[in-house]
Protein backbone atom coordinates (compact mmCIF):
# COMPACT_ATOMS: atom_id res chain seq x y z
CA MET A 1 139.08 121.07 138.03
CA TYR A 2 135.31 120.87 137.54
CA ARG A 3 133.66 117.72 139.04
CA GLY A 4 130.17 117.26 140.49
CA VAL A 5 126.96 119.25 140.18
CA TYR A 6 126.97 122.80 139.01
CA THR A 7 123.52 124.44 139.13
CA ALA A 8 122.53 126.65 136.13
CA LEU A 9 120.75 129.23 138.27
CA VAL A 10 117.37 130.67 137.43
CA THR A 11 117.00 134.41 137.69
CA PRO A 12 114.03 135.14 140.06
CA PHE A 13 111.86 138.07 139.15
CA THR A 14 109.51 140.10 141.31
CA ALA A 15 105.85 140.54 140.23
CA SER A 16 106.91 143.68 138.33
CA LYS A 17 109.60 141.63 136.51
CA GLU A 18 112.55 143.15 138.24
CA ILE A 19 115.41 140.97 139.64
CA ASP A 20 114.50 139.71 143.10
CA GLU A 21 117.82 140.12 144.94
CA ASN A 22 116.51 138.56 148.11
CA LYS A 23 115.29 135.48 146.41
CA MET A 24 118.47 135.22 144.47
CA ARG A 25 120.45 135.20 147.68
CA GLU A 26 118.09 132.59 149.19
CA LEU A 27 118.56 130.39 146.27
CA VAL A 28 122.36 130.56 146.55
CA GLU A 29 122.03 129.54 150.20
CA PHE A 30 119.73 126.67 149.37
CA GLN A 31 122.10 125.40 146.73
CA ILE A 32 125.14 125.53 148.96
CA ALA A 33 123.36 123.99 151.90
CA SER A 34 122.35 121.09 149.56
CA GLY A 35 126.05 120.26 148.67
CA ILE A 36 126.33 121.46 145.02
CA ALA A 37 129.82 121.90 143.69
CA GLY A 38 129.33 125.27 142.09
CA LEU A 39 126.90 127.86 140.67
CA VAL A 40 126.38 129.02 137.09
CA PRO A 41 124.44 132.32 136.86
CA ILE A 42 123.65 134.18 133.61
CA GLY A 43 123.07 131.23 131.36
CA THR A 44 119.99 130.43 129.29
CA THR A 45 118.43 129.15 132.45
CA GLY A 46 119.01 132.63 134.03
CA GLU A 47 117.21 134.25 131.09
CA SER A 48 120.34 136.17 130.12
CA PRO A 49 118.89 137.29 126.69
CA THR A 50 116.31 139.55 128.44
CA LEU A 51 118.81 141.06 131.08
CA SER A 52 120.46 144.40 130.46
CA PRO A 53 124.34 144.63 130.85
CA ASN A 54 123.82 146.35 134.24
CA GLU A 55 121.39 143.54 135.38
CA ILE A 56 123.90 140.86 134.25
CA SER A 57 126.59 142.55 136.34
CA ASN A 58 124.17 142.83 139.26
CA VAL A 59 123.31 139.10 139.19
CA ILE A 60 126.95 138.13 139.06
CA ARG A 61 127.72 140.48 141.87
CA ILE A 62 124.89 139.14 143.98
CA VAL A 63 125.92 135.42 143.44
CA VAL A 64 129.54 136.12 144.11
CA GLU A 65 128.84 138.05 147.29
CA GLN A 66 126.40 135.49 148.69
CA THR A 67 128.57 132.56 147.75
CA ALA A 68 131.60 134.21 149.57
CA GLY A 69 134.07 131.80 148.09
CA ARG A 70 132.30 128.63 149.42
CA VAL A 71 131.87 127.15 145.96
CA PRO A 72 133.14 128.42 142.52
CA VAL A 73 130.94 130.76 140.44
CA ILE A 74 131.12 130.10 136.69
CA ALA A 75 129.41 133.23 135.20
CA GLY A 76 127.79 133.17 131.76
CA ALA A 77 129.57 135.68 129.56
CA GLY A 78 128.90 134.45 126.14
CA ALA A 79 127.90 136.49 123.08
CA ASN A 80 127.84 136.19 119.31
CA CYS A 81 130.11 139.17 119.07
CA THR A 82 133.66 138.38 120.18
CA GLU A 83 134.37 141.96 121.45
CA LYS A 84 131.14 141.89 123.45
CA ALA A 85 132.10 138.48 125.02
CA ILE A 86 135.45 139.74 125.96
CA ARG A 87 133.92 142.75 127.70
CA GLN A 88 131.47 140.49 129.57
CA ALA A 89 134.22 138.16 130.59
CA GLU A 90 136.34 141.13 131.88
CA VAL A 91 133.33 142.20 133.91
CA ALA A 92 132.76 138.73 135.32
CA GLU A 93 136.49 138.59 136.28
CA ASP A 94 136.38 141.98 137.93
CA LEU A 95 133.30 140.99 139.95
CA GLY A 96 135.07 137.97 141.31
CA ALA A 97 133.69 135.12 139.26
CA ASP A 98 135.97 132.10 139.30
CA ALA A 99 135.45 131.24 135.58
CA THR A 100 133.16 132.07 132.63
CA LEU A 101 130.87 129.96 130.57
CA GLN A 102 131.21 130.80 126.89
CA VAL A 103 128.45 129.53 124.56
CA VAL A 104 129.03 128.98 120.90
CA PRO A 105 128.12 132.22 119.06
CA TYR A 106 124.49 131.99 118.01
CA TYR A 107 122.55 133.09 114.94
CA ASN A 108 125.51 134.25 112.81
CA LYS A 109 126.84 130.58 112.51
CA PRO A 110 130.61 130.98 112.24
CA SER A 111 132.92 128.39 110.78
CA GLN A 112 134.95 126.09 113.03
CA GLU A 113 138.01 128.39 112.32
CA GLY A 114 135.90 131.36 113.42
CA LEU A 115 134.83 129.54 116.55
CA TYR A 116 138.42 128.71 117.45
CA GLU A 117 139.55 132.29 117.02
CA HIS A 118 136.59 133.57 119.06
CA PHE A 119 137.25 131.42 122.03
CA ILE A 120 141.03 131.93 121.91
CA ALA A 121 140.56 135.70 121.83
CA ILE A 122 138.40 135.59 124.98
CA ALA A 123 140.79 133.17 126.78
CA ASN A 124 143.72 135.56 125.97
CA ALA A 125 141.90 138.58 127.33
CA VAL A 126 141.22 137.43 130.86
CA ASP A 127 143.07 135.47 133.58
CA ILE A 128 140.29 133.19 134.76
CA PRO A 129 139.33 129.83 133.24
CA MET A 130 136.81 129.30 130.53
CA VAL A 131 134.11 126.56 130.21
CA LEU A 132 133.10 126.02 126.62
CA TYR A 133 129.33 125.49 126.00
CA ASP A 134 128.19 123.43 122.97
CA VAL A 135 124.41 123.56 122.43
CA PRO A 136 123.72 123.47 118.69
CA GLY A 137 119.99 123.15 119.23
CA ARG A 138 120.02 126.80 120.39
CA THR A 139 123.03 128.27 118.56
CA GLY A 140 122.48 126.74 115.11
CA VAL A 141 126.02 125.44 114.87
CA ALA A 142 128.00 122.73 116.70
CA LEU A 143 131.47 123.04 118.15
CA GLU A 144 133.04 120.07 116.55
CA ASN A 145 135.36 117.71 118.39
CA HIS A 146 138.46 118.54 116.44
CA THR A 147 137.89 122.23 117.35
CA ILE A 148 137.46 121.43 121.08
CA LEU A 149 140.70 119.39 121.02
CA GLU A 150 142.59 122.26 119.58
CA LEU A 151 141.06 124.60 122.20
CA THR A 152 142.14 122.27 125.08
CA LYS A 153 145.71 123.34 124.33
CA HIS A 154 145.04 126.74 125.79
CA PRO A 155 145.79 126.65 129.59
CA ARG A 156 142.66 128.66 130.50
CA ILE A 157 140.24 126.58 128.45
CA VAL A 158 139.54 123.77 130.99
CA ALA A 159 136.15 122.24 130.32
CA VAL A 160 133.12 121.98 128.08
CA LYS A 161 129.37 121.84 128.85
CA ALA A 162 128.23 119.22 126.38
CA ALA A 163 124.53 119.79 125.41
CA SER A 164 124.53 118.38 121.89
CA GLY A 165 122.49 115.36 122.79
CA ASN A 166 124.94 113.43 120.61
CA ILE A 167 126.16 110.67 122.83
CA GLN A 168 128.38 109.14 120.06
CA GLY A 169 130.14 112.48 119.59
CA ILE A 170 130.50 113.08 123.34
CA MET A 171 131.87 109.52 123.69
CA ASP A 172 134.39 110.19 120.89
CA LEU A 173 135.47 113.37 122.59
CA LEU A 174 135.92 111.68 126.00
CA ALA A 175 138.22 109.16 124.40
CA GLN A 176 140.55 111.92 123.11
CA VAL A 177 140.60 114.88 125.54
CA PRO A 178 143.79 115.39 127.63
CA GLN A 179 143.88 114.62 131.24
CA GLY A 180 142.56 117.52 133.30
CA PHE A 181 140.02 118.73 130.69
CA ASP A 182 136.58 118.14 132.05
CA ILE A 183 133.41 117.31 130.13
CA LEU A 184 130.19 118.18 131.97
CA SER A 185 126.77 117.02 130.79
CA GLY A 186 124.54 119.91 129.73
CA ASP A 187 121.45 117.75 129.95
CA ASP A 188 120.18 116.35 133.12
CA ASN A 189 118.70 113.32 131.40
CA LEU A 190 122.23 112.43 129.95
CA SER A 191 124.24 112.95 133.17
CA PHE A 192 124.32 109.29 134.13
CA PRO A 193 125.50 108.00 130.75
CA ILE A 194 127.95 110.77 130.19
CA ILE A 195 129.58 110.24 133.58
CA ALA A 196 129.56 106.45 132.91
CA LEU A 197 131.60 107.17 129.79
CA GLY A 198 134.10 109.29 131.67
CA GLY A 199 132.47 112.73 132.16
CA SER A 200 133.05 114.79 135.35
CA GLY A 201 129.53 115.84 136.28
CA VAL A 202 126.68 118.12 135.10
CA ILE A 203 125.70 121.69 134.74
CA SER A 204 122.17 121.09 135.90
CA VAL A 205 118.75 122.66 135.54
CA ALA A 206 116.96 120.20 137.66
CA SER A 207 119.19 120.94 140.67
CA ASN A 208 117.54 124.34 140.97
CA LEU A 209 114.67 122.55 142.70
CA PHE A 210 116.22 119.16 143.62
CA PRO A 211 119.90 119.92 144.41
CA LYS A 212 120.37 117.26 146.98
CA GLU A 213 118.85 114.54 144.75
CA ILE A 214 121.03 115.45 141.78
CA VAL A 215 124.10 115.71 143.97
CA ASP A 216 123.41 112.20 145.44
CA MET A 217 122.98 110.80 141.93
CA VAL A 218 126.09 112.33 140.50
CA ASP A 219 128.22 111.50 143.66
CA ALA A 220 127.15 107.93 143.42
CA CYS A 221 128.22 107.72 139.75
CA LEU A 222 131.54 109.50 140.41
CA SER A 223 132.19 107.04 143.30
CA PHE A 224 131.37 104.01 140.99
CA ARG A 225 128.29 103.14 142.94
CA TRP A 226 126.53 102.50 139.67
CA GLU A 227 123.43 100.66 140.84
CA GLU A 228 122.61 103.49 143.35
CA GLY A 229 123.29 106.05 140.75
CA ARG A 230 121.10 104.19 138.17
CA LYS A 231 118.19 104.04 140.61
CA LEU A 232 118.46 107.76 141.37
CA HIS A 233 118.66 108.48 137.73
CA TYR A 234 115.46 106.56 136.91
CA ARG A 235 113.73 108.03 139.97
CA MET A 236 114.39 111.62 138.63
CA LEU A 237 113.93 110.79 134.93
CA PRO A 238 110.25 111.85 134.76
CA PHE A 239 111.29 115.31 136.07
CA PHE A 240 114.19 115.53 133.62
CA LYS A 241 111.64 114.81 130.80
CA ALA A 242 109.22 117.38 132.18
CA LEU A 243 111.92 120.07 131.90
CA PHE A 244 111.65 119.69 128.05
CA LEU A 245 107.89 120.28 127.93
CA GLU A 246 108.55 123.92 126.93
CA SER A 247 111.68 125.96 126.38
CA ASN A 248 114.06 126.24 129.27
CA PRO A 249 113.67 127.91 131.88
CA ILE A 250 109.89 127.90 131.69
CA PRO A 251 109.36 124.40 133.10
CA ILE A 252 111.91 124.70 135.93
CA LYS A 253 110.58 128.05 137.02
CA ALA A 254 107.06 126.76 136.96
CA ALA A 255 108.09 123.83 139.10
CA MET A 256 109.97 126.09 141.56
CA SER A 257 106.92 128.40 141.85
CA LEU A 258 104.72 125.32 142.60
CA LYS A 259 107.07 124.57 145.54
CA GLY A 260 107.08 128.23 146.70
CA LEU A 261 110.63 128.99 145.95
CA ILE A 262 110.09 131.83 143.48
CA LEU A 263 107.36 133.66 141.60
CA ASP A 264 106.21 132.22 138.27
CA THR A 265 107.49 135.39 136.46
CA TYR A 266 109.21 135.76 133.14
CA ARG A 267 110.17 138.43 130.63
CA LEU A 268 108.74 138.31 127.12
CA PRO A 269 109.11 136.62 124.80
CA LEU A 270 109.03 133.90 127.45
CA ARG A 271 105.71 133.48 129.20
CA ARG A 272 104.11 131.19 131.69
CA ILE A 273 103.77 127.51 130.95
CA SER A 274 100.57 126.24 129.40
CA PRO A 275 97.82 124.96 131.69
CA GLU A 276 98.21 121.42 130.37
CA HIS A 277 101.95 121.39 130.90
CA ARG A 278 101.57 122.85 134.39
CA LEU A 279 99.30 119.90 135.22
CA GLU A 280 101.98 117.49 134.01
CA ILE A 281 104.61 119.12 136.15
CA GLU A 282 102.23 118.97 139.18
CA ARG A 283 101.69 115.32 138.47
CA VAL A 284 105.43 114.60 138.28
CA LEU A 285 106.15 116.55 141.49
CA THR A 286 103.36 114.57 143.30
CA MET A 287 104.78 111.34 142.03
CA LEU A 288 108.32 112.23 143.16
CA ASN A 289 107.02 113.21 146.69
CA ILE A 290 110.22 114.86 147.63
CA SER A 291 108.95 117.02 150.45
CA GLU A 292 112.22 118.34 152.00
CA SER A 293 111.83 122.11 151.80
CA ARG A 294 114.29 124.97 151.76
CA GLU A 295 113.39 125.70 155.42
CA LYS A 296 114.19 122.18 156.46
CA ILE A 297 117.64 122.31 154.73
CA ARG A 298 118.26 125.60 156.52
CA GLU A 299 117.45 123.99 159.93
CA LYS A 300 120.01 121.31 159.26
CA ASN A 301 122.67 123.84 158.73
């Protein structure tokens, strides 16, 4: 069901730190024109922790409206309170999202049994599919393979965004998941190996700025053009590494601002990237020398 590149959208802010609706709509058009398979608003990359419930609904509404059914929208709706996650999933469904992304509950560190019951309760509450999101570096607890395998039995739990960084664990999961359940890389730098092992694609941060390049790399891999995919992977690897200079989404928003796509604006406790890291991102962007702009992509379409 989920195959290719799904962009984990940033949330652009104005200089006064309000949601910039016009920029958000422009980003959606840029992404679709570049050939991505789908959009994922209201994730960590979208600074969901600092958005109010009304703002979260507004971002989903904007993305769904602007997308107009051209690609699926997987709306972030996770929470560390099951009832809250259910409410957010219901809102996403009402707004027309095609699926929700459900992160492992963070901070309260539930047991595997608690995680299973959490995701089953959400899946039972709405009629749209769910993509699980395993990112123990942020949540403090991993979604273990045996729990994922039990969750795959629910007809609306259809994929997992694997961001554990544990290739051995992801490989073991790929060997056991039923046909039709998709494993998407949650780390740009691991997309190539995960697809080579049987993964279906990536929920990408890098594609906010370089959608065409990430699409080309993933499409090459999914079409078994491994040498082409490998070359594209290594070409983009310095940028993938730069995205880890500071906490996501600080580096990607800094890079996008350097290319004139958005303002370099955040909400506390996130702040602008350090001067030395900004210089490193500038160096990487210069080295990549990918000059095709949003305006040129528009002209093609």
